[in-house]
Amino acid sequence: MTGGTMGRPVIHHPQVAWDAARAFVRAAGAPGYEAFADRILSRLGADLYGELANTRQRLLACSVENSDVEAGKWRVRLEDLLRGRPDLTTALRELTEAAPR
């Protein structure tokens, strides 16, 4: 994931997005959801906060098997986010680590 020349890390945004997507979906169904959702709101904004709430609703309404589908949707959403806002890479990594399990 990291490496490169001159001490500058190379960041693989698709991997950051995929890791975050799986963490976000896991968090959407976890007991610590509310605290995590508040962090999404403060770090990434109302749009992604709303999407996380929608994901939670779909997960609660359907079987756990849908979590893979939800993670795929989040990966695309987060990869698009990073294309336009690469400055949010650190926030996504931190949120990935902080997601409830």
N, C-alpha and C. Protein backbone atom coordinates (compact mmCIF):
# COMPACT_ATOMS: atom_id res chain seq x y z
N MET A 1 0.81 -1.20 0.00
CA MET A 1 0.00 0.00 0.00
C MET A 1 0.84 1.25 0.00
N THR A 2 1.89 1.27 0.79
CA THR A 2 2.73 2.44 0.80
C THR A 2 4.09 2.08 0.28
N GLY A 3 4.82 3.06 -0.08
CA GLY A 3 6.13 2.89 -0.65
C GLY A 3 6.35 4.05 -1.58
N GLY A 4 7.31 3.95 -2.45
CA GLY A 4 7.50 5.00 -3.42
C GLY A 4 8.84 5.65 -3.26
N THR A 5 9.05 6.68 -4.00
CA THR A 5 10.32 7.36 -4.01
C THR A 5 10.26 8.62 -3.19
N MET A 6 11.43 9.05 -2.77
CA MET A 6 11.57 10.32 -2.07
C MET A 6 10.75 10.37 -0.79
N GLY A 7 10.44 9.24 -0.20
CA GLY A 7 9.74 9.23 1.07
C GLY A 7 8.25 9.53 0.99
N ARG A 8 7.72 9.68 -0.21
CA ARG A 8 6.30 9.97 -0.36
C ARG A 8 5.53 8.66 -0.51
N PRO A 9 4.55 8.45 0.34
CA PRO A 9 3.80 7.19 0.25
C PRO A 9 2.92 7.16 -0.99
N VAL A 10 2.76 5.97 -1.53
CA VAL A 10 1.83 5.75 -2.64
C VAL A 10 0.56 5.20 -2.02
N ILE A 11 -0.54 5.87 -2.26
CA ILE A 11 -1.81 5.46 -1.67
C ILE A 11 -2.68 4.84 -2.75
N HIS A 12 -3.14 3.65 -2.51
CA HIS A 12 -3.99 2.93 -3.44
C HIS A 12 -5.45 3.19 -3.04
N HIS A 13 -6.04 4.21 -3.64
CA HIS A 13 -7.39 4.63 -3.26
C HIS A 13 -8.44 3.53 -3.38
N PRO A 14 -8.39 2.68 -4.43
CA PRO A 14 -9.39 1.60 -4.47
C PRO A 14 -9.32 0.69 -3.24
N GLN A 15 -8.11 0.41 -2.73
CA GLN A 15 -7.99 -0.43 -1.54
C GLN A 15 -8.50 0.29 -0.30
N VAL A 16 -8.19 1.58 -0.18
CA VAL A 16 -8.69 2.37 0.95
C VAL A 16 -10.22 2.37 0.92
N ALA A 17 -10.79 2.56 -0.28
CA ALA A 17 -12.25 2.59 -0.41
C ALA A 17 -12.85 1.23 -0.06
N TRP A 18 -12.24 0.13 -0.51
CA TRP A 18 -12.77 -1.20 -0.23
C TRP A 18 -12.71 -1.52 1.26
N ASP A 19 -11.58 -1.22 1.89
CA ASP A 19 -11.46 -1.46 3.33
C ASP A 19 -12.49 -0.65 4.10
N ALA A 20 -12.65 0.62 3.73
CA ALA A 20 -13.62 1.47 4.41
C ALA A 20 -15.04 0.98 4.16
N ALA A 21 -15.33 0.56 2.94
CA ALA A 21 -16.67 0.07 2.61
C ALA A 21 -17.07 -1.09 3.49
N ARG A 22 -16.18 -2.07 3.62
CA ARG A 22 -16.48 -3.22 4.47
C ARG A 22 -16.66 -2.80 5.93
N ALA A 23 -15.83 -1.87 6.38
CA ALA A 23 -15.95 -1.39 7.77
C ALA A 23 -17.25 -0.64 7.98
N PHE A 24 -17.64 0.18 7.00
CA PHE A 24 -18.87 0.96 7.13
C PHE A 24 -20.09 0.06 7.20
N VAL A 25 -20.12 -0.97 6.37
CA VAL A 25 -21.25 -1.90 6.37
C VAL A 25 -21.28 -2.68 7.67
N ARG A 26 -20.12 -3.11 8.13
CA ARG A 26 -20.04 -3.82 9.42
C ARG A 26 -20.56 -2.91 10.54
N ALA A 27 -20.15 -1.64 10.51
CA ALA A 27 -20.56 -0.69 11.54
C ALA A 27 -22.06 -0.40 11.47
N ALA A 28 -22.62 -0.43 10.26
CA ALA A 28 -24.05 -0.14 10.10
C ALA A 28 -24.92 -1.15 10.85
N GLY A 29 -24.41 -2.36 11.05
CA GLY A 29 -25.17 -3.37 11.76
C GLY A 29 -24.68 -3.62 13.18
N ALA A 30 -23.73 -2.84 13.63
CA ALA A 30 -23.11 -3.09 14.94
C ALA A 30 -23.78 -2.27 16.04
N PRO A 31 -23.62 -2.71 17.29
CA PRO A 31 -24.20 -1.97 18.42
C PRO A 31 -23.68 -0.54 18.56
N GLY A 32 -22.46 -0.26 18.13
CA GLY A 32 -21.90 1.09 18.25
C GLY A 32 -22.22 1.99 17.07
N TYR A 33 -23.28 1.65 16.34
CA TYR A 33 -23.63 2.39 15.12
C TYR A 33 -23.78 3.89 15.33
N GLU A 34 -24.51 4.31 16.34
CA GLU A 34 -24.83 5.72 16.51
C GLU A 34 -23.57 6.58 16.66
N ALA A 35 -22.64 6.13 17.48
CA ALA A 35 -21.40 6.89 17.66
C ALA A 35 -20.60 6.93 16.36
N PHE A 36 -20.56 5.81 15.64
CA PHE A 36 -19.84 5.78 14.38
C PHE A 36 -20.51 6.69 13.36
N ALA A 37 -21.83 6.65 13.30
CA ALA A 37 -22.56 7.50 12.36
C ALA A 37 -22.29 8.97 12.65
N ASP A 38 -22.20 9.34 13.91
CA ASP A 38 -21.86 10.73 14.25
C ASP A 38 -20.48 11.12 13.72
N ARG A 39 -19.55 10.17 13.76
CA ARG A 39 -18.20 10.43 13.23
C ARG A 39 -18.24 10.60 11.72
N ILE A 40 -19.07 9.81 11.05
CA ILE A 40 -19.22 9.95 9.60
C ILE A 40 -19.76 11.33 9.28
N LEU A 41 -20.77 11.76 10.02
CA LEU A 41 -21.35 13.08 9.80
C LEU A 41 -20.30 14.17 9.95
N SER A 42 -19.51 14.11 11.01
CA SER A 42 -18.55 15.18 11.26
C SER A 42 -17.35 15.13 10.32
N ARG A 43 -16.95 13.95 9.85
CA ARG A 43 -15.76 13.84 9.00
C ARG A 43 -16.07 13.86 7.51
N LEU A 44 -17.21 13.28 7.11
CA LEU A 44 -17.50 13.13 5.69
C LEU A 44 -18.76 13.85 5.21
N GLY A 45 -19.58 14.32 6.13
CA GLY A 45 -20.73 15.13 5.74
C GLY A 45 -22.07 14.41 5.77
N ALA A 46 -23.11 15.22 5.57
CA ALA A 46 -24.49 14.75 5.70
C ALA A 46 -24.89 13.73 4.64
N ASP A 47 -24.37 13.86 3.42
CA ASP A 47 -24.75 12.92 2.36
C ASP A 47 -24.35 11.50 2.72
N LEU A 48 -23.10 11.30 3.14
CA LEU A 48 -22.66 9.95 3.48
C LEU A 48 -23.26 9.48 4.79
N TYR A 49 -23.55 10.39 5.70
CA TYR A 49 -24.27 10.05 6.93
C TYR A 49 -25.64 9.46 6.57
N GLY A 50 -26.33 10.11 5.65
CA GLY A 50 -27.64 9.62 5.20
C GLY A 50 -27.54 8.27 4.51
N GLU A 51 -26.50 8.09 3.70
CA GLU A 51 -26.30 6.81 3.03
C GLU A 51 -26.03 5.69 4.03
N LEU A 52 -25.29 6.02 5.09
CA LEU A 52 -25.03 5.02 6.13
C LEU A 52 -26.34 4.63 6.83
N ALA A 53 -27.18 5.61 7.09
CA ALA A 53 -28.49 5.32 7.70
C ALA A 53 -29.32 4.44 6.78
N ASN A 54 -29.29 4.71 5.47
CA ASN A 54 -30.01 3.88 4.50
C ASN A 54 -29.47 2.46 4.49
N THR A 55 -28.15 2.33 4.56
CA THR A 55 -27.53 1.01 4.61
C THR A 55 -28.00 0.26 5.84
N ARG A 56 -28.02 0.94 6.98
CA ARG A 56 -28.47 0.30 8.22
C ARG A 56 -29.90 -0.21 8.08
N GLN A 57 -30.76 0.62 7.52
CA GLN A 57 -32.16 0.22 7.33
C GLN A 57 -32.26 -1.01 6.45
N ARG A 58 -31.51 -1.03 5.34
CA ARG A 58 -31.57 -2.19 4.44
C ARG A 58 -31.03 -3.44 5.12
N LEU A 59 -29.97 -3.29 5.90
CA LEU A 59 -29.42 -4.45 6.60
C LEU A 59 -30.37 -4.99 7.66
N LEU A 60 -31.03 -4.10 8.37
CA LEU A 60 -31.97 -4.53 9.40
C LEU A 60 -33.21 -5.17 8.79
N ALA A 61 -33.57 -4.74 7.58
CA ALA A 61 -34.78 -5.27 6.93
C ALA A 61 -34.51 -6.58 6.20
N CYS A 62 -33.26 -6.83 5.84
CA CYS A 62 -32.94 -8.01 5.03
C CYS A 62 -31.96 -8.91 5.75
N SER A 63 -31.56 -9.93 5.07
CA SER A 63 -30.62 -10.88 5.66
C SER A 63 -29.20 -10.33 5.64
N VAL A 64 -28.36 -10.94 6.42
CA VAL A 64 -26.96 -10.56 6.50
C VAL A 64 -26.25 -10.78 5.17
N GLU A 65 -26.77 -11.66 4.33
CA GLU A 65 -26.16 -11.92 3.03
C GLU A 65 -26.07 -10.65 2.19
N ASN A 66 -26.94 -9.70 2.44
CA ASN A 66 -26.93 -8.46 1.68
C ASN A 66 -25.74 -7.57 2.05
N SER A 67 -25.00 -7.92 3.08
CA SER A 67 -23.88 -7.07 3.49
C SER A 67 -22.82 -7.00 2.40
N ASP A 68 -22.62 -8.08 1.64
CA ASP A 68 -21.66 -8.03 0.53
C ASP A 68 -22.11 -7.07 -0.55
N VAL A 69 -23.39 -7.06 -0.84
CA VAL A 69 -23.93 -6.13 -1.83
C VAL A 69 -23.77 -4.71 -1.34
N GLU A 70 -24.09 -4.49 -0.08
CA GLU A 70 -23.95 -3.15 0.49
C GLU A 70 -22.48 -2.70 0.48
N ALA A 71 -21.56 -3.60 0.80
CA ALA A 71 -20.14 -3.25 0.79
C ALA A 71 -19.71 -2.86 -0.62
N GLY A 72 -20.20 -3.56 -1.62
CA GLY A 72 -19.88 -3.21 -3.00
C GLY A 72 -20.37 -1.82 -3.37
N LYS A 73 -21.58 -1.49 -2.94
CA LYS A 73 -22.12 -0.15 -3.19
C LYS A 73 -21.27 0.92 -2.52
N TRP A 74 -20.87 0.64 -1.28
CA TRP A 74 -20.04 1.60 -0.54
C TRP A 74 -18.66 1.75 -1.18
N ARG A 75 -18.10 0.65 -1.68
CA ARG A 75 -16.79 0.75 -2.31
C ARG A 75 -16.83 1.73 -3.48
N VAL A 76 -17.84 1.60 -4.32
CA VAL A 76 -17.97 2.50 -5.46
C VAL A 76 -18.16 3.94 -4.98
N ARG A 77 -19.04 4.13 -4.01
CA ARG A 77 -19.32 5.46 -3.48
C ARG A 77 -18.05 6.10 -2.91
N LEU A 78 -17.29 5.32 -2.14
CA LEU A 78 -16.09 5.87 -1.49
C LEU A 78 -14.94 6.06 -2.48
N GLU A 79 -14.84 5.19 -3.46
CA GLU A 79 -13.81 5.38 -4.49
C GLU A 79 -14.09 6.67 -5.27
N ASP A 80 -15.36 6.91 -5.61
CA ASP A 80 -15.73 8.16 -6.27
C ASP A 80 -15.39 9.36 -5.40
N LEU A 81 -15.68 9.23 -4.11
CA LEU A 81 -15.36 10.31 -3.17
C LEU A 81 -13.87 10.61 -3.19
N LEU A 82 -13.04 9.58 -3.16
CA LEU A 82 -11.59 9.78 -3.13
C LEU A 82 -11.05 10.34 -4.44
N ARG A 83 -11.71 10.04 -5.55
CA ARG A 83 -11.29 10.64 -6.82
C ARG A 83 -11.44 12.16 -6.77
N GLY A 84 -12.52 12.60 -6.21
CA GLY A 84 -12.77 14.04 -6.12
C GLY A 84 -12.15 14.70 -4.91
N ARG A 85 -11.95 13.94 -3.84
CA ARG A 85 -11.43 14.49 -2.58
C ARG A 85 -10.36 13.57 -2.00
N PRO A 86 -9.19 13.47 -2.66
CA PRO A 86 -8.15 12.60 -2.13
C PRO A 86 -7.68 13.00 -0.73
N ASP A 87 -7.97 14.24 -0.34
CA ASP A 87 -7.60 14.70 1.00
C ASP A 87 -8.37 13.96 2.10
N LEU A 88 -9.41 13.22 1.73
CA LEU A 88 -10.20 12.48 2.73
C LEU A 88 -9.65 11.07 2.97
N THR A 89 -8.54 10.73 2.34
CA THR A 89 -7.95 9.39 2.52
C THR A 89 -7.67 9.11 3.99
N THR A 90 -7.04 10.04 4.67
CA THR A 90 -6.73 9.84 6.09
C THR A 90 -8.00 9.66 6.90
N ALA A 91 -9.00 10.47 6.63
CA ALA A 91 -10.28 10.33 7.36
C ALA A 91 -10.88 8.95 7.14
N LEU A 92 -10.86 8.45 5.89
CA LEU A 92 -11.41 7.12 5.63
C LEU A 92 -10.62 6.04 6.34
N ARG A 93 -9.32 6.16 6.35
CA ARG A 93 -8.51 5.16 7.06
C ARG A 93 -8.81 5.18 8.55
N GLU A 94 -8.92 6.36 9.12
CA GLU A 94 -9.22 6.47 10.56
C GLU A 94 -10.59 5.92 10.88
N LEU A 95 -11.57 6.23 10.02
CA LEU A 95 -12.92 5.72 10.24
C LEU A 95 -12.96 4.20 10.09
N THR A 96 -12.18 3.67 9.16
CA THR A 96 -12.10 2.23 8.99
C THR A 96 -11.61 1.56 10.26
N GLU A 97 -10.57 2.13 10.84
CA GLU A 97 -10.02 1.58 12.08
C GLU A 97 -11.00 1.72 13.26
N ALA A 98 -11.80 2.78 13.24
CA ALA A 98 -12.70 3.08 14.36
C ALA A 98 -14.05 2.38 14.26
N ALA A 99 -14.33 1.75 13.13
CA ALA A 99 -15.65 1.12 12.92
C ALA A 99 -15.87 0.01 13.95
N PRO A 100 -17.06 -0.02 14.55
CA PRO A 100 -17.39 -1.09 15.49
C PRO A 100 -17.36 -2.43 14.78
N ARG A 101 -17.02 -3.45 15.53
CA ARG A 101 -16.97 -4.81 14.95
C ARG A 101 -18.09 -5.64 15.50
